[in-house]
Amino acid sequence: QVQLVESEGGLVQAGGSLRLSCTASGSIFSIDAMGWYRQAPGKLREFVAQITSGSSTTYAHSVKGRFTISRDNAKNTVYLQMNSLKSEDTAVYYCIATDTDSLKHYWGQGTQVTVSS
């Protein structure tokens, strides 16, 4: 099993910045890709960004150029630096980790990010 613990989100004004972190523990030896999804009220959960153990990154079009995902493999931690935040970025943000052996996905508990306009 893999446990994912996310940092607290927060309330930030539009145009501001916030950094989220997510630390993995447990059976992490076969974890490759880690990333973030988000879910706004009344909407489906959507992909935000992903980073592999080799630091290959993928971003949703809506956050490209504003968000940066990074990873510290020694600390088993993935970060999401969010800049130029918009009200439409308001959502619960979830960390995800994928086990390359079982293809199982593990989720964090979610952290609220609220952007005020």
PDB file of N, CA and C in Angstrom:
ATOM      1  N   GLN A   1       0.838  -1.198   0.000  1.00  0.00           N
ATOM      2  CA  GLN A   1       0.000   0.000   0.000  1.00  0.00           C
ATOM      3  C   GLN A   1       0.871   1.247   0.000  1.00  0.00           C
ATOM      4  N   VAL A   2       0.317   2.276  -0.573  1.00  0.00           N
ATOM      5  CA  VAL A   2       1.006   3.567  -0.633  1.00  0.00           C
ATOM      6  C   VAL A   2       0.124   4.611   0.025  1.00  0.00           C
ATOM      7  N   GLN A   3       0.714   5.420   0.856  1.00  0.00           N
ATOM      8  CA  GLN A   3      -0.019   6.521   1.486  1.00  0.00           C
ATOM      9  C   GLN A   3       0.524   7.838   0.922  1.00  0.00           C
ATOM     10  N   LEU A   4      -0.392   8.728   0.627  1.00  0.00           N
ATOM     11  CA  LEU A   4      -0.041  10.042   0.096  1.00  0.00           C
ATOM     12  C   LEU A   4      -0.578  11.103   1.044  1.00  0.00           C
ATOM     13  N   VAL A   5       0.307  11.979   1.481  1.00  0.00           N
ATOM     14  CA  VAL A   5      -0.093  13.051   2.388  1.00  0.00           C
ATOM     15  C   VAL A   5       0.186  14.385   1.720  1.00  0.00           C
ATOM     16  N   GLU A   6      -0.861  15.166   1.540  1.00  0.00           N
ATOM     17  CA  GLU A   6      -0.751  16.452   0.870  1.00  0.00           C
ATOM     18  C   GLU A   6      -0.617  17.575   1.881  1.00  0.00           C
ATOM     19  N   SER A   7       0.020  18.636   1.441  1.00  0.00           N
ATOM     20  CA  SER A   7       0.103  19.831   2.278  1.00  0.00           C
ATOM     21  C   SER A   7      -1.238  20.545   2.267  1.00  0.00           C
ATOM     22  N   GLU A   8      -1.389  21.465   3.191  1.00  0.00           N
ATOM     23  CA  GLU A   8      -2.614  22.262   3.202  1.00  0.00           C
ATOM     24  C   GLU A   8      -2.666  23.183   2.002  1.00  0.00           C
ATOM     25  N   GLY A   9      -3.851  23.372   1.484  1.00  0.00           N
ATOM     26  CA  GLY A   9      -4.039  24.332   0.411  1.00  0.00           C
ATOM     27  C   GLY A   9      -4.174  25.712   1.022  1.00  0.00           C
ATOM     28  N   GLY A  10      -5.120  26.460   0.525  1.00  0.00           N
ATOM     29  CA  GLY A  10      -5.326  27.761   1.133  1.00  0.00           C
ATOM     30  C   GLY A  10      -6.169  28.679   0.285  1.00  0.00           C
ATOM     31  N   LEU A  11      -6.296  29.879   0.799  1.00  0.00           N
ATOM     32  CA  LEU A  11      -7.039  30.937   0.112  1.00  0.00           C
ATOM     33  C   LEU A  11      -6.044  31.950  -0.412  1.00  0.00           C
ATOM     34  N   VAL A  12      -6.140  32.258  -1.681  1.00  0.00           N
ATOM     35  CA  VAL A  12      -5.201  33.192  -2.301  1.00  0.00           C
ATOM     36  C   VAL A  12      -5.965  34.086  -3.263  1.00  0.00           C
ATOM     37  N   GLN A  13      -5.481  35.284  -3.425  1.00  0.00           N
ATOM     38  CA  GLN A  13      -6.118  36.209  -4.362  1.00  0.00           C
ATOM     39  C   GLN A  13      -5.743  35.870  -5.795  1.00  0.00           C
ATOM     40  N   ALA A  14      -6.609  36.224  -6.697  1.00  0.00           N
ATOM     41  CA  ALA A  14      -6.322  36.020  -8.114  1.00  0.00           C
ATOM     42  C   ALA A  14      -5.016  36.713  -8.462  1.00  0.00           C
ATOM     43  N   GLY A  15      -4.200  36.005  -9.242  1.00  0.00           N
ATOM     44  CA  GLY A  15      -2.890  36.514  -9.605  1.00  0.00           C
ATOM     45  C   GLY A  15      -1.791  36.073  -8.662  1.00  0.00           C
ATOM     46  N   GLY A  16      -2.191  35.507  -7.543  1.00  0.00           N
ATOM     47  CA  GLY A  16      -1.213  35.066  -6.549  1.00  0.00           C
ATOM     48  C   GLY A  16      -0.658  33.689  -6.840  1.00  0.00           C
ATOM     49  N   SER A  17       0.134  33.204  -5.883  1.00  0.00           N
ATOM     50  CA  SER A  17       0.811  31.921  -6.040  1.00  0.00           C
ATOM     51  C   SER A  17       0.594  31.053  -4.813  1.00  0.00           C
ATOM     52  N   LEU A  18       0.733  29.764  -5.033  1.00  0.00           N
ATOM     53  CA  LEU A  18       0.597  28.789  -3.944  1.00  0.00           C
ATOM     54  C   LEU A  18       1.373  27.546  -4.363  1.00  0.00           C
ATOM     55  N   ARG A  19       2.000  26.890  -3.390  1.00  0.00           N
ATOM     56  CA  ARG A  19       2.684  25.643  -3.685  1.00  0.00           C
ATOM     57  C   ARG A  19       2.098  24.515  -2.855  1.00  0.00           C
ATOM     58  N   LEU A  20       1.767  23.437  -3.523  1.00  0.00           N
ATOM     59  CA  LEU A  20       1.294  22.224  -2.867  1.00  0.00           C
ATOM     60  C   LEU A  20       2.412  21.180  -2.877  1.00  0.00           C
ATOM     61  N   SER A  21       2.396  20.337  -1.865  1.00  0.00           N
ATOM     62  CA  SER A  21       3.329  19.213  -1.849  1.00  0.00           C
ATOM     63  C   SER A  21       2.573  17.941  -1.494  1.00  0.00           C
ATOM     64  N   CYS A  22       3.151  16.829  -1.879  1.00  0.00           N
ATOM     65  CA  CYS A  22       2.543  15.519  -1.609  1.00  0.00           C
ATOM     66  C   CYS A  22       3.671  14.530  -1.373  1.00  0.00           C
ATOM     67  N   THR A  23       3.663  13.905  -0.205  1.00  0.00           N
ATOM     68  CA  THR A  23       4.717  12.957   0.157  1.00  0.00           C
ATOM     69  C   THR A  23       4.160  11.552   0.193  1.00  0.00           C
ATOM     70  N   ALA A  24       4.863  10.649  -0.474  1.00  0.00           N
ATOM     71  CA  ALA A  24       4.456   9.245  -0.529  1.00  0.00           C
ATOM     72  C   ALA A  24       5.228   8.425   0.496  1.00  0.00           C
ATOM     73  N   SER A  25       4.543   7.441   1.070  1.00  0.00           N
ATOM     74  CA  SER A  25       5.188   6.507   1.991  1.00  0.00           C
ATOM     75  C   SER A  25       4.570   5.140   1.807  1.00  0.00           C
ATOM     76  N   GLY A  26       5.214   4.140   2.382  1.00  0.00           N
ATOM     77  CA  GLY A  26       4.721   2.774   2.251  1.00  0.00           C
ATOM     78  C   GLY A  26       5.468   2.035   1.150  1.00  0.00           C
ATOM     79  N   SER A  27       4.761   1.264   0.366  1.00  0.00           N
ATOM     80  CA  SER A  27       5.365   0.439  -0.693  1.00  0.00           C
ATOM     81  C   SER A  27       5.592   1.264  -1.954  1.00  0.00           C
ATOM     82  N   ILE A  28       6.581   2.126  -1.901  1.00  0.00           N
ATOM     83  CA  ILE A  28       6.769   3.101  -2.968  1.00  0.00           C
ATOM     84  C   ILE A  28       7.811   2.698  -3.995  1.00  0.00           C
ATOM     85  N   PHE A  29       8.404   1.512  -3.853  1.00  0.00           N
ATOM     86  CA  PHE A  29       9.522   1.124  -4.712  1.00  0.00           C
ATOM     87  C   PHE A  29       9.121   1.026  -6.178  1.00  0.00           C
ATOM     88  N   SER A  30       7.859   0.762  -6.463  1.00  0.00           N
ATOM     89  CA  SER A  30       7.434   0.625  -7.856  1.00  0.00           C
ATOM     90  C   SER A  30       6.556   1.795  -8.304  1.00  0.00           C
ATOM     91  N   ILE A  31       6.599   2.883  -7.543  1.00  0.00           N
ATOM     92  CA  ILE A  31       5.866   4.083  -7.960  1.00  0.00           C
ATOM     93  C   ILE A  31       6.688   4.815  -8.999  1.00  0.00           C
ATOM     94  N   ASP A  32       6.071   5.115 -10.140  1.00  0.00           N
ATOM     95  CA  ASP A  32       6.757   5.890 -11.174  1.00  0.00           C
ATOM     96  C   ASP A  32       6.111   7.268 -11.276  1.00  0.00           C
ATOM     97  N   ALA A  33       5.008   7.351 -11.988  1.00  0.00           N
ATOM     98  CA  ALA A  33       4.386   8.654 -12.197  1.00  0.00           C
ATOM     99  C   ALA A  33       3.654   9.130 -10.939  1.00  0.00           C
ATOM    100  N   MET A  34       3.830  10.403 -10.671  1.00  0.00           N
ATOM    101  CA  MET A  34       3.062  11.084  -9.620  1.00  0.00           C
ATOM    102  C   MET A  34       2.493  12.351 -10.234  1.00  0.00           C
ATOM    103  N   GLY A  35       1.400  12.805  -9.690  1.00  0.00           N
ATOM    104  CA  GLY A  35       0.803  13.991 -10.275  1.00  0.00           C
ATOM    105  C   GLY A  35      -0.332  14.554  -9.467  1.00  0.00           C
ATOM    106  N   TRP A  36      -1.087  15.425 -10.130  1.00  0.00           N
ATOM    107  CA  TRP A  36      -2.185  16.124  -9.476  1.00  0.00           C
ATOM    108  C   TRP A  36      -3.423  16.129 -10.371  1.00  0.00           C
ATOM    109  N   TYR A  37      -4.554  15.945  -9.732  1.00  0.00           N
ATOM    110  CA  TYR A  37      -5.856  16.154 -10.340  1.00  0.00           C
ATOM    111  C   TYR A  37      -6.574  17.197  -9.493  1.00  0.00           C
ATOM    112  N   ARG A  38      -7.659  17.720 -10.013  1.00  0.00           N
ATOM    113  CA  ARG A  38      -8.480  18.641  -9.219  1.00  0.00           C
ATOM    114  C   ARG A  38      -9.948  18.456  -9.549  1.00  0.00           C
ATOM    115  N   GLN A  39     -10.780  18.836  -8.584  1.00  0.00           N
ATOM    116  CA  GLN A  39     -12.218  18.727  -8.773  1.00  0.00           C
ATOM    117  C   GLN A  39     -12.892  19.971  -8.215  1.00  0.00           C
ATOM    118  N   ALA A  40     -13.521  20.716  -9.105  1.00  0.00           N
ATOM    119  CA  ALA A  40     -14.267  21.900  -8.714  1.00  0.00           C
ATOM    120  C   ALA A  40     -15.701  21.496  -8.382  1.00  0.00           C
ATOM    121  N   PRO A  41     -16.408  22.293  -7.606  1.00  0.00           N
ATOM    122  CA  PRO A  41     -17.793  21.953  -7.242  1.00  0.00           C
ATOM    123  C   PRO A  41     -18.658  21.736  -8.470  1.00  0.00           C
ATOM    124  N   GLY A  42     -19.364  20.618  -8.484  1.00  0.00           N
ATOM    125  CA  GLY A  42     -20.267  20.327  -9.589  1.00  0.00           C
ATOM    126  C   GLY A  42     -19.600  19.848 -10.854  1.00  0.00           C
ATOM    127  N   LYS A  43     -18.287  19.645 -10.796  1.00  0.00           N
ATOM    128  CA  LYS A  43     -17.566  19.203 -11.999  1.00  0.00           C
ATOM    129  C   LYS A  43     -16.862  17.880 -11.750  1.00  0.00           C
ATOM    130  N   LEU A  44     -16.468  17.235 -12.833  1.00  0.00           N
ATOM    131  CA  LEU A  44     -15.723  15.991 -12.745  1.00  0.00           C
ATOM    132  C   LEU A  44     -14.277  16.284 -12.350  1.00  0.00           C
ATOM    133  N   ARG A  45     -13.655  15.291 -11.761  1.00  0.00           N
ATOM    134  CA  ARG A  45     -12.239  15.418 -11.440  1.00  0.00           C
ATOM    135  C   ARG A  45     -11.458  15.476 -12.747  1.00  0.00           C
ATOM    136  N   GLU A  46     -10.483  16.393 -12.822  1.00  0.00           N
ATOM    137  CA  GLU A  46      -9.737  16.565 -14.065  1.00  0.00           C
ATOM    138  C   GLU A  46      -8.239  16.534 -13.810  1.00  0.00           C
ATOM    139  N   PHE A  47      -7.524  16.106 -14.809  1.00  0.00           N
ATOM    140  CA  PHE A  47      -6.069  16.034 -14.771  1.00  0.00           C
ATOM    141  C   PHE A  47      -5.469  17.435 -14.736  1.00  0.00           C
ATOM    142  N   VAL A  48      -4.417  17.597 -13.933  1.00  0.00           N
ATOM    143  CA  VAL A  48      -3.713  18.876 -13.863  1.00  0.00           C
ATOM    144  C   VAL A  48      -2.285  18.741 -14.393  1.00  0.00           C
ATOM    145  N   ALA A  49      -1.523  17.846 -13.788  1.00  0.00           N
ATOM    146  CA  ALA A  49      -0.122  17.697 -14.192  1.00  0.00           C
ATOM    147  C   ALA A  49       0.407  16.355 -13.705  1.00  0.00           C
ATOM    148  N   GLN A  50       1.461  15.885 -14.372  1.00  0.00           N
ATOM    149  CA  GLN A  50       2.084  14.613 -14.017  1.00  0.00           C
ATOM    150  C   GLN A  50       3.583  14.718 -14.231  1.00  0.00           C
ATOM    151  N   ILE A  51       4.334  13.982 -13.405  1.00  0.00           N
ATOM    152  CA  ILE A  51       5.784  13.904 -13.570  1.00  0.00           C
ATOM    153  C   ILE A  51       6.218  12.468 -13.314  1.00  0.00           C
ATOM    154  N   THR A  52       7.087  11.963 -14.164  1.00  0.00           N
ATOM    155  CA  THR A  52       7.596  10.603 -13.988  1.00  0.00           C
ATOM    156  C   THR A  52       8.851  10.637 -13.108  1.00  0.00           C
ATOM    157  N   SER A  53       9.322   9.463 -12.744  1.00  0.00           N
ATOM    158  CA  SER A  53      10.542   9.396 -11.940  1.00  0.00           C
ATOM    159  C   SER A  53      11.743   9.944 -12.713  1.00  0.00           C
ATOM    160  N   GLY A  54      11.641   9.935 -14.038  1.00  0.00           N
ATOM    161  CA  GLY A  54      12.693  10.503 -14.869  1.00  0.00           C
ATOM    162  C   GLY A  54      12.500  11.974 -15.159  1.00  0.00           C
ATOM    163  N   SER A  55      11.521  12.593 -14.484  1.00  0.00           N
ATOM    164  CA  SER A  55      11.225  14.033 -14.578  1.00  0.00           C
ATOM    165  C   SER A  55      10.584  14.459 -15.890  1.00  0.00           C
ATOM    166  N   SER A  56       9.981  13.544 -16.599  1.00  0.00           N
ATOM    167  CA  SER A  56       9.193  13.914 -17.769  1.00  0.00           C
ATOM    168  C   SER A  56       7.844  14.457 -17.281  1.00  0.00           C
ATOM    169  N   THR A  57       7.457  15.627 -17.790  1.00  0.00           N
ATOM    170  CA  THR A  57       6.253  16.285 -17.290  1.00  0.00           C
ATOM    171  C   THR A  57       5.177  16.414 -18.366  1.00  0.00           C
ATOM    172  N   THR A  58       3.943  16.422 -17.901  1.00  0.00           N
ATOM    173  CA  THR A  58       2.783  16.648 -18.753  1.00  0.00           C
ATOM    174  C   THR A  58       1.842  17.579 -18.011  1.00  0.00           C
ATOM    175  N   TYR A  59       1.226  18.515 -18.735  1.00  0.00           N
ATOM    176  CA  TYR A  59       0.327  19.482 -18.123  1.00  0.00           C
ATOM    177  C   TYR A  59      -1.007  19.547 -18.875  1.00  0.00           C
ATOM    178  N   ALA A  60      -2.041  19.860 -18.149  1.00  0.00           N
ATOM    179  CA  ALA A  60      -3.307  20.197 -18.784  1.00  0.00           C
ATOM    180  C   ALA A  60      -3.143  21.534 -19.481  1.00  0.00           C
ATOM    181  N   HIS A  61      -3.864  21.691 -20.567  1.00  0.00           N
ATOM    182  CA  HIS A  61      -3.748  22.930 -21.343  1.00  0.00           C
ATOM    183  C   HIS A  61      -4.101  24.148 -20.496  1.00  0.00           C
ATOM    184  N   SER A  62      -5.056  23.970 -19.587  1.00  0.00           N
ATOM    185  CA  SER A  62      -5.559  25.103 -18.807  1.00  0.00           C
ATOM    186  C   SER A  62      -4.535  25.643 -17.808  1.00  0.00           C
ATOM    187  N   VAL A  63      -3.504  24.861 -17.494  1.00  0.00           N
ATOM    188  CA  VAL A  63      -2.530  25.313 -16.495  1.00  0.00           C
ATOM    189  C   VAL A  63      -1.130  25.475 -17.071  1.00  0.00           C
ATOM    190  N   LYS A  64      -0.945  25.088 -18.296  1.00  0.00           N
ATOM    191  CA  LYS A  64       0.378  25.155 -18.910  1.00  0.00           C
ATOM    192  C   LYS A  64       0.887  26.591 -18.907  1.00  0.00           C
ATOM    193  N   GLY A  65       2.124  26.756 -18.485  1.00  0.00           N
ATOM    194  CA  GLY A  65       2.703  28.089 -18.424  1.00  0.00           C
ATOM    195  C   GLY A  65       2.470  28.796 -17.107  1.00  0.00           C
ATOM    196  N   ARG A  66       1.550  28.287 -16.297  1.00  0.00           N
ATOM    197  CA  ARG A  66       1.262  28.885 -14.986  1.00  0.00           C
ATOM    198  C   ARG A  66       1.659  27.951 -13.843  1.00  0.00           C
ATOM    199  N   PHE A  67       1.496  26.659 -14.036  1.00  0.00           N
ATOM    200  CA  PHE A  67       1.796  25.680 -13.004  1.00  0.00           C
ATOM    201  C   PHE A  67       3.072  24.940 -13.373  1.00  0.00           C
ATOM    202  N   THR A  68       3.831  24.571 -12.361  1.00  0.00           N
ATOM    203  CA  THR A  68       5.042  23.774 -12.562  1.00  0.00           C
ATOM    204  C   THR A  68       5.046  22.614 -11.591  1.00  0.00           C
ATOM    205  N   ILE A  69       5.187  21.411 -12.119  1.00  0.00           N
ATOM    206  CA  ILE A  69       5.277  20.226 -11.273  1.00  0.00           C
ATOM    207  C   ILE A  69       6.743  19.823 -11.166  1.00  0.00           C
ATOM    208  N   SER A  70       7.146  19.434  -9.980  1.00  0.00           N
ATOM    209  CA  SER A  70       8.523  18.985  -9.771  1.00  0.00           C
ATOM    210  C   SER A  70       8.512  17.846  -8.760  1.00  0.00           C
ATOM    211  N   ARG A  71       9.680  17.252  -8.603  1.00  0.00           N
ATOM    212  CA  ARG A  71       9.707  16.030  -7.787  1.00  0.00           C
ATOM    213  C   ARG A  71      11.064  15.907  -7.123  1.00  0.00           C
ATOM    214  N   ASP A  72      11.051  15.504  -5.870  1.00  0.00           N
ATOM    215  CA  ASP A  72      12.270  15.180  -5.140  1.00  0.00           C
ATOM    216  C   ASP A  72      12.210  13.698  -4.825  1.00  0.00           C
ATOM    217  N   ASN A  73      12.895  12.892  -5.629  1.00  0.00           N
ATOM    218  CA  ASN A  73      12.813  11.441  -5.455  1.00  0.00           C
ATOM    219  C   ASN A  73      13.394  10.990  -4.117  1.00  0.00           C
ATOM    220  N   ALA A  74      14.373  11.716  -3.614  1.00  0.00           N
ATOM    221  CA  ALA A  74      14.982  11.336  -2.333  1.00  0.00           C
ATOM    222  C   ALA A  74      13.990  11.501  -1.182  1.00  0.00           C
ATOM    223  N   LYS A  75      13.064  12.453  -1.335  1.00  0.00           N
ATOM    224  CA  LYS A  75      12.067  12.707  -0.293  1.00  0.00           C
ATOM    225  C   LYS A  75      10.714  12.104  -0.651  1.00  0.00           C
ATOM    226  N   ASN A  76      10.643  11.425  -1.813  1.00  0.00           N
ATOM    227  CA  ASN A  76       9.373  10.834  -2.261  1.00  0.00           C
ATOM    228  C   ASN A  76       8.255  11.868  -2.282  1.00  0.00           C
ATOM    229  N   THR A  77       8.600  13.061  -2.725  1.00  0.00           N
ATOM    230  CA  THR A  77       7.669  14.178  -2.669  1.00  0.00           C
ATOM    231  C   THR A  77       7.524  14.813  -4.046  1.00  0.00           C
ATOM    232  N   VAL A  78       6.307  15.152  -4.378  1.00  0.00           N
ATOM    233  CA  VAL A  78       6.016  15.875  -5.604  1.00  0.00           C
ATOM    234  C   VAL A  78       5.424  17.231  -5.211  1.00  0.00           C
ATOM    235  N   TYR A  79       5.771  18.245  -5.984  1.00  0.00           N
ATOM    236  CA  TYR A  79       5.325  19.607  -5.710  1.00  0.00           C
ATOM    237  C   TYR A  79       4.522  20.146  -6.894  1.00  0.00           C
ATOM    238  N   LEU A  80       3.619  21.045  -6.605  1.00  0.00           N
ATOM    239  CA  LEU A  80       2.897  21.755  -7.650  1.00  0.00           C
ATOM    240  C   LEU A  80       2.965  23.243  -7.318  1.00  0.00           C
ATOM    241  N   GLN A  81       3.783  23.965  -8.078  1.00  0.00           N
ATOM    242  CA  GLN A  81       3.883  25.406  -7.922  1.00  0.00           C
ATOM    243  C   GLN A  81       2.852  26.048  -8.832  1.00  0.00           C
ATOM    244  N   MET A  82       1.940  26.789  -8.226  1.00  0.00           N
ATOM    245  CA  MET A  82       0.843  27.389  -8.980  1.00  0.00           C
ATOM    246  C   MET A  82       1.001  28.908  -8.957  1.00  0.00           C
ATOM    247  N   ASN A  83       1.210  29.480 -10.118  1.00  0.00           N
ATOM    248  CA  ASN A  83       1.361  30.928 -10.254  1.00  0.00           C
ATOM    249  C   ASN A  83       0.221  31.499 -11.081  1.00  0.00           C
ATOM    250  N   SER A  84       0.065  32.813 -11.013  1.00  0.00           N
ATOM    251  CA  SER A  84      -0.975  33.505 -11.788  1.00  0.00           C
ATOM    252  C   SER A  84      -2.328  32.816 -11.627  1.00  0.00           C
ATOM    253  N   LEU A  85      -2.667  32.542 -10.389  1.00  0.00           N
ATOM    254  CA  LEU A  85      -3.895  31.787 -10.112  1.00  0.00           C
ATOM    255  C   LEU A  85      -5.131  32.569 -10.536  1.00  0.00           C
ATOM    256  N   LYS A  86      -6.115  31.814 -11.008  1.00  0.00           N
ATOM    257  CA  LYS A  86      -7.379  32.382 -11.457  1.00  0.00           C
ATOM    258  C   LYS A  86      -8.512  31.793 -10.616  1.00  0.00           C
ATOM    259  N   SER A  87      -9.650  32.447 -10.641  1.00  0.00           N
ATOM    260  CA  SER A  87     -10.786  31.941  -9.861  1.00  0.00           C
ATOM    261  C   SER A  87     -11.187  30.541 -10.325  1.00  0.00           C
ATOM    262  N   GLU A  88     -10.986  30.271 -11.599  1.00  0.00           N
ATOM    263  CA  GLU A  88     -11.353  28.945 -12.113  1.00  0.00           C
ATOM    264  C   GLU A  88     -10.393  27.845 -11.671  1.00  0.00           C
ATOM    265  N   ASP A  89      -9.325  28.209 -10.988  1.00  0.00           N
ATOM    266  CA  ASP A  89      -8.432  27.206 -10.405  1.00  0.00           C
ATOM    267  C   ASP A  89      -8.942  26.723  -9.052  1.00  0.00           C
ATOM    268  N   THR A  90      -9.985  27.340  -8.541  1.00  0.00           N
ATOM    269  CA  THR A  90     -10.565  26.917  -7.267  1.00  0.00           C
ATOM    270  C   THR A  90     -11.079  25.493  -7.376  1.00  0.00           C
ATOM    271  N   ALA A  91     -10.587  24.646  -6.487  1.00  0.00           N
ATOM    272  CA  ALA A  91     -10.948  23.228  -6.537  1.00  0.00           C
ATOM    273  C   ALA A  91     -10.302  22.514  -5.355  1.00  0.00           C
ATOM    274  N   VAL A  92     -10.709  21.273  -5.183  1.00  0.00           N
ATOM    275  CA  VAL A  92      -9.970  20.379  -4.301  1.00  0.00           C
ATOM    276  C   VAL A  92      -8.911  19.697  -5.164  1.00  0.00           C
ATOM    277  N   TYR A  93      -7.674  19.785  -4.725  1.00  0.00           N
ATOM    278  CA  TYR A  93      -6.560  19.221  -5.470  1.00  0.00           C
ATOM    279  C   TYR A  93      -6.152  17.882  -4.849  1.00  0.00           C
ATOM    280  N   TYR A  94      -6.020  16.879  -5.695  1.00  0.00           N
ATOM    281  CA  TYR A  94      -5.696  15.533  -5.248  1.00  0.00           C
ATOM    282  C   TYR A  94      -4.357  15.097  -5.834  1.00  0.00           C
ATOM    283  N   CYS A  95      -3.527  14.548  -4.993  1.00  0.00           N
ATOM    284  CA  CYS A  95      -2.274  13.939  -5.431  1.00  0.00           C
ATOM    285  C   CYS A  95      -2.570  12.503  -5.883  1.00  0.00           C
ATOM    286  N   ILE A  96      -1.863  12.050  -6.895  1.00  0.00           N
ATOM    287  CA  ILE A  96      -2.021  10.673  -7.383  1.00  0.00           C
ATOM    288  C   ILE A  96      -0.655  10.069  -7.627  1.00  0.00           C
ATOM    289  N   ALA A  97      -0.542   8.792  -7.320  1.00  0.00           N
ATOM    290  CA  ALA A  97       0.683   8.046  -7.606  1.00  0.00           C
ATOM    291  C   ALA A  97       0.290   6.736  -8.273  1.00  0.00           C
ATOM    292  N   THR A  98       1.073   6.337  -9.264  1.00  0.00           N
ATOM    293  CA  THR A  98       0.761   5.121 -10.024  1.00  0.00           C
ATOM    294  C   THR A  98       1.850   4.082  -9.830  1.00  0.00           C
ATOM    295  N   ASP A  99       1.422   2.894  -9.458  1.00  0.00           N
ATOM    296  CA  ASP A  99       2.329   1.752  -9.300  1.00  0.00           C
ATOM    297  C   ASP A  99       2.530   1.126 -10.677  1.00  0.00           C
ATOM    298  N   THR A 100       3.762   1.096 -11.158  1.00  0.00           N
ATOM    299  CA  THR A 100       4.009   0.607 -12.509  1.00  0.00           C
ATOM    300  C   THR A 100       3.863  -0.899 -12.618  1.00  0.00           C
ATOM    301  N   ASP A 101       3.959  -1.621 -11.506  1.00  0.00           N
ATOM    302  CA  ASP A 101       3.809  -3.083 -11.541  1.00  0.00           C
ATOM    303  C   ASP A 101       2.337  -3.485 -11.601  1.00  0.00           C
ATOM    304  N   SER A 102       1.549  -2.924 -10.704  1.00  0.00           N
ATOM    305  CA  SER A 102       0.138  -3.307 -10.633  1.00  0.00           C
ATOM    306  C   SER A 102      -0.777  -2.383 -11.423  1.00  0.00           C
ATOM    307  N   LEU A 103      -0.239  -1.224 -11.847  1.00  0.00           N
ATOM    308  CA  LEU A 103      -1.008  -0.162 -12.513  1.00  0.00           C
ATOM    309  C   LEU A 103      -2.107   0.383 -11.608  1.00  0.00           C
ATOM    310  N   LYS A 104      -1.929   0.189 -10.308  1.00  0.00           N
ATOM    311  CA  LYS A 104      -2.905   0.710  -9.362  1.00  0.00           C
ATOM    312  C   LYS A 104      -2.620   2.186  -9.111  1.00  0.00           C
ATOM    313  N   HIS A 105      -3.696   2.948  -8.952  1.00  0.00           N
ATOM    314  CA  HIS A 105      -3.568   4.366  -8.631  1.00  0.00           C
ATOM    315  C   HIS A 105      -3.854   4.580  -7.148  1.00  0.00           C
ATOM    316  N   TYR A 106      -3.045   5.408  -6.537  1.00  0.00           N
ATOM    317  CA  TYR A 106      -3.258   5.780  -5.146  1.00  0.00           C
ATOM    318  C   TYR A 106      -3.565   7.286  -5.116  1.00  0.00           C
ATOM    319  N   TRP A 107      -4.496   7.655  -4.230  1.00  0.00           N
ATOM    320  CA  TRP A 107      -4.927   9.043  -4.145  1.00  0.00           C
ATOM    321  C   TRP A 107      -4.651   9.623  -2.765  1.00  0.00           C
ATOM    322  N   GLY A 108      -4.346  10.903  -2.737  1.00  0.00           N
ATOM    323  CA  GLY A 108      -4.279  11.622  -1.477  1.00  0.00           C
ATOM    324  C   GLY A 108      -5.677  11.989  -1.018  1.00  0.00           C
ATOM    325  N   GLN A 109      -5.743  12.637   0.147  1.00  0.00           N
ATOM    326  CA  GLN A 109      -7.046  12.951   0.735  1.00  0.00           C
ATOM    327  C   GLN A 109      -7.681  14.195   0.122  1.00  0.00           C
ATOM    328  N   GLY A 110      -6.902  14.954  -0.600  1.00  0.00           N
ATOM    329  CA  GLY A 110      -7.421  16.175  -1.215  1.00  0.00           C
ATOM    330  C   GLY A 110      -7.159  17.387  -0.356  1.00  0.00           C
ATOM    331  N   THR A 111      -6.888  18.506  -0.997  1.00  0.00           N
ATOM    332  CA  THR A 111      -6.641  19.751  -0.274  1.00  0.00           C
ATOM    333  C   THR A 111      -7.315  20.892  -1.025  1.00  0.00           C
ATOM    334  N   GLN A 112      -7.986  21.751  -0.292  1.00  0.00           N
ATOM    335  CA  GLN A 112      -8.780  22.806  -0.907  1.00  0.00           C
ATOM    336  C   GLN A 112      -7.903  24.000  -1.289  1.00  0.00           C
ATOM    337  N   VAL A 113      -8.067  24.434  -2.527  1.00  0.00           N
ATOM    338  CA  VAL A 113      -7.436  25.663  -2.990  1.00  0.00           C
ATOM    339  C   VAL A 113      -8.559  26.597  -3.444  1.00  0.00           C
ATOM    340  N   THR A 114      -8.609  27.771  -2.859  1.00  0.00           N
ATOM    341  CA  THR A 114      -9.631  28.741  -3.202  1.00  0.00           C
ATOM    342  C   THR A 114      -8.960  30.018  -3.682  1.00  0.00           C
ATOM    343  N   VAL A 115      -9.353  30.459  -4.866  1.00  0.00           N
ATOM    344  CA  VAL A 115      -8.802  31.680  -5.438  1.00  0.00           C
ATOM    345  C   VAL A 115      -9.909  32.731  -5.469  1.00  0.00           C
ATOM    346  N   SER A 116      -9.684  33.804  -4.777  1.00  0.00           N
ATOM    347  CA  SER A 116     -10.696  34.869  -4.729  1.00  0.00           C
ATOM    348  C   SER A 116     -10.413  35.905  -5.806  1.00  0.00           C
ATOM    349  N   SER A 117     -11.468  36.353  -6.447  1.00  0.00           N
ATOM    350  CA  SER A 117     -11.305  37.339  -7.529  1.00  0.00           C
ATOM    351  C   SER A 117     -11.514  38.755  -7.009  1.00  0.00           C
TER     352      SER A 117
END
